[in-house]
Amino acid sequence: MIGPEHLPIYDSHQRTQLQLINNPAIPACRRDLAERELDITRNVFKMAGESQ
C-alpha cells in the first residue's frame, strides 16, 4: 500500500529518472529502463490523485 507519506520518495525517484533520460551519455538500454520506471512513478501519482 502506498500512502501520502510515500509520495516524496516517488517524486525524488521521478526526478532521478528524468535526469537519466535527458543525459545523452546514458546507454539506450539504461534510458529505456528509466522510461519504464518513470511510467511506473507517474502511475503511482495518477492513482494517488496527484498531478506531477
C-alpha atoms as a PDB file:
ATOM      1  CA  MET A   1       0.000   0.000   0.000  1.00  0.00           C
ATOM      2  CA  ILE A   2       1.278   3.416  -0.931  1.00  0.00           C
ATOM      3  CA  GLY A   3       0.279   6.283   1.315  1.00  0.00           C
ATOM      4  CA  PRO A   4       0.712  10.051   1.105  1.00  0.00           C
ATOM      5  CA  GLU A   5       3.902   9.753   3.134  1.00  0.00           C
ATOM      6  CA  HIS A   6       5.480   7.821   0.247  1.00  0.00           C
ATOM      7  CA  LEU A   7       4.839  10.439  -2.428  1.00  0.00           C
ATOM      8  CA  PRO A   8       8.017  12.459  -1.704  1.00  0.00           C
ATOM      9  CA  ILE A   9      10.046   9.292  -2.353  1.00  0.00           C
ATOM     10  CA  TYR A  10       8.295   8.788  -5.682  1.00  0.00           C
ATOM     11  CA  ASP A  11       8.808  12.454  -6.531  1.00  0.00           C
ATOM     12  CA  SER A  12      12.540  12.081  -5.943  1.00  0.00           C
ATOM     13  CA  HIS A  13      12.595   8.885  -7.999  1.00  0.00           C
ATOM     14  CA  GLN A  14      10.774  10.660 -10.826  1.00  0.00           C
ATOM     15  CA  ARG A  15      13.323  13.488 -10.881  1.00  0.00           C
ATOM     16  CA  THR A  16      16.199  10.985 -10.940  1.00  0.00           C
ATOM     17  CA  GLN A  17      14.676   9.080 -13.857  1.00  0.00           C
ATOM     18  CA  LEU A  18      14.152  12.312 -15.804  1.00  0.00           C
ATOM     19  CA  GLN A  19      17.817  13.228 -15.279  1.00  0.00           C
ATOM     20  CA  LEU A  20      18.881   9.848 -16.629  1.00  0.00           C
ATOM     21  CA  ILE A  21      16.562  10.084 -19.637  1.00  0.00           C
ATOM     22  CA  ASN A  22      17.867  13.542 -20.511  1.00  0.00           C
ATOM     23  CA  ASN A  23      21.537  12.576 -20.165  1.00  0.00           C
ATOM     24  CA  PRO A  24      22.946  11.879 -23.649  1.00  0.00           C
ATOM     25  CA  ALA A  25      25.792   9.802 -22.190  1.00  0.00           C
ATOM     26  CA  ILE A  26      23.420   7.152 -20.807  1.00  0.00           C
ATOM     27  CA  PRO A  27      23.217   3.978 -22.937  1.00  0.00           C
ATOM     28  CA  ALA A  28      19.919   3.372 -24.731  1.00  0.00           C
ATOM     29  CA  CYS A  29      19.127   0.253 -22.683  1.00  0.00           C
ATOM     30  CA  ARG A  30      19.509   2.219 -19.414  1.00  0.00           C
ATOM     31  CA  ARG A  31      17.385   5.054 -20.839  1.00  0.00           C
ATOM     32  CA  ASP A  32      14.661   2.544 -21.721  1.00  0.00           C
ATOM     33  CA  LEU A  33      14.692   1.235 -18.160  1.00  0.00           C
ATOM     34  CA  ALA A  34      14.474   4.791 -16.802  1.00  0.00           C
ATOM     35  CA  GLU A  35      11.469   5.444 -19.041  1.00  0.00           C
ATOM     36  CA  ARG A  36       9.714   2.332 -17.718  1.00  0.00           C
ATOM     37  CA  GLU A  37      10.474   3.394 -14.152  1.00  0.00           C
ATOM     38  CA  LEU A  38       9.130   6.864 -14.938  1.00  0.00           C
ATOM     39  CA  ASP A  39       5.889   5.345 -16.241  1.00  0.00           C
ATOM     40  CA  ILE A  40       5.500   3.382 -13.004  1.00  0.00           C
ATOM     41  CA  THR A  41       6.093   6.512 -10.937  1.00  0.00           C
ATOM     42  CA  ARG A  42       3.589   8.523 -12.969  1.00  0.00           C
ATOM     43  CA  ASN A  43       1.019   5.758 -12.494  1.00  0.00           C
ATOM     44  CA  VAL A  44       1.532   5.944  -8.730  1.00  0.00           C
ATOM     45  CA  PHE A  45       0.856   9.690  -8.817  1.00  0.00           C
ATOM     46  CA  LYS A  46      -2.190   9.140 -11.021  1.00  0.00           C
ATOM     47  CA  MET A  47      -3.606   6.574  -8.585  1.00  0.00           C
ATOM     48  CA  ALA A  48      -2.898   8.944  -5.694  1.00  0.00           C
ATOM     49  CA  GLY A  49      -4.761  11.736  -7.492  1.00  0.00           C
ATOM     50  CA  GLU A  50      -1.626  13.844  -7.808  1.00  0.00           C
ATOM     51  CA  SER A  51      -0.553  15.655 -10.943  1.00  0.00           C
ATOM     52  CA  GLN A  52       3.229  15.622 -11.317  1.00  0.00           C
END
